Amino acid sequence: MQFKLDGGNLGGEDTSAPYAVSWDTSTAGEGPHTLTAVGRDPLGLQYTSNAVTVMVSNGPPPDTSPPTVTLTSPTSGSTVSGPIEVRATASDDVGVAGVQFKLDDADLGGEDTTAPYAVSWDPSTASEGPHTLTAVARDDAGNMTTSEPVTVTVSHAPPPPPPATFAPGDVFVSLETGSVQWRSPDGTLHAELVGQVPGAAEGIRFDATGNLYVTHWCADEACTTGNTVEKFNTNGVSQGTFGSGYNCDPHALAFDTAGSLYVGQAHCTGAILKLSPGSPSIEYTVAAENAGSF
């Protein structure tokens, strides 16, 4: 049996059944080719089979490897309420074409074709209770992978109120304990601002943006602790302390129009220290400062 490719011999004649020949298609040009088989009997008579047309393509093998995908946020078991962002990571040996997020097996938004992969979701549009989130990654060859499901619980409880903020008319009282009482205009105690340092809280003053500054006197007879200025933001949260070196009641505070802070010592030398705007984190001493009234 002589096999032929486009009319030319393909290998040598095979004289024993089963009849076959090996063909390396990379030696043929791209496109259609015709295969036939010519049988020969002992008398020399030949018979040609029907032609078979094949298409040669020597390109890379088809991509059959699916991508990988993992939901990263929210985490399984979490409770969600307000608008959130659902996020995932995906990778592929060739490239990720897109990620489709799903809520209870239904599409959640459109397919995201660009990393980082994410979609916005407002849980208030879903019923209260458990829901399942997944992400489906797709590559250019059409291979697809679905992530492990993430189960979350939707709660329609109202969000917590924003933190309270200092307001005009509020009353602030410094205490020997080191704390500052924050009271409403009618005198009702709103909160007690507990400082980070010991020592009686004495002078108090607000800067132009509403932050509260409090001076702390000695916490012991030797004045080894205290003697600092503490800053609270407009929500009453301590932002830390700055300054050291006073040994006799740092008390009064004042700001000028440029935002500079003046700290006055109430007793002893009566020293006054000026701190530039934006630079209250430095340590200070009063030995080189001028004494005076405040």
Foldseek 3Di string as FASTA:
>chain_A
DFKDKQRHTDDDFDPDPPDDHDDDLVVDDFFKIKIWDWDADPVGDIDIDDIDIDGDDPDDDADPDAKDKAWDPDAAAAEDAAKDKTWMDIADPVGWQWKFKDKQNHTDDDTGRDPRDIDIDGLVVPDFFKIKMWMWIAHPSGHIDIYDIGIYGYDHDDDDDDFDFDDPQWDWAWFQQRWIFTAHNVRHTPDIQHDPWGATWAEWDAFPQGKIKTAGAARDPQSPTGGWIWIAGRRSHTPDIAEDADHAAFHYWDADPQGWIWIFHADDQRFIDIHHPPPRRYYDHRPPTHHDHD
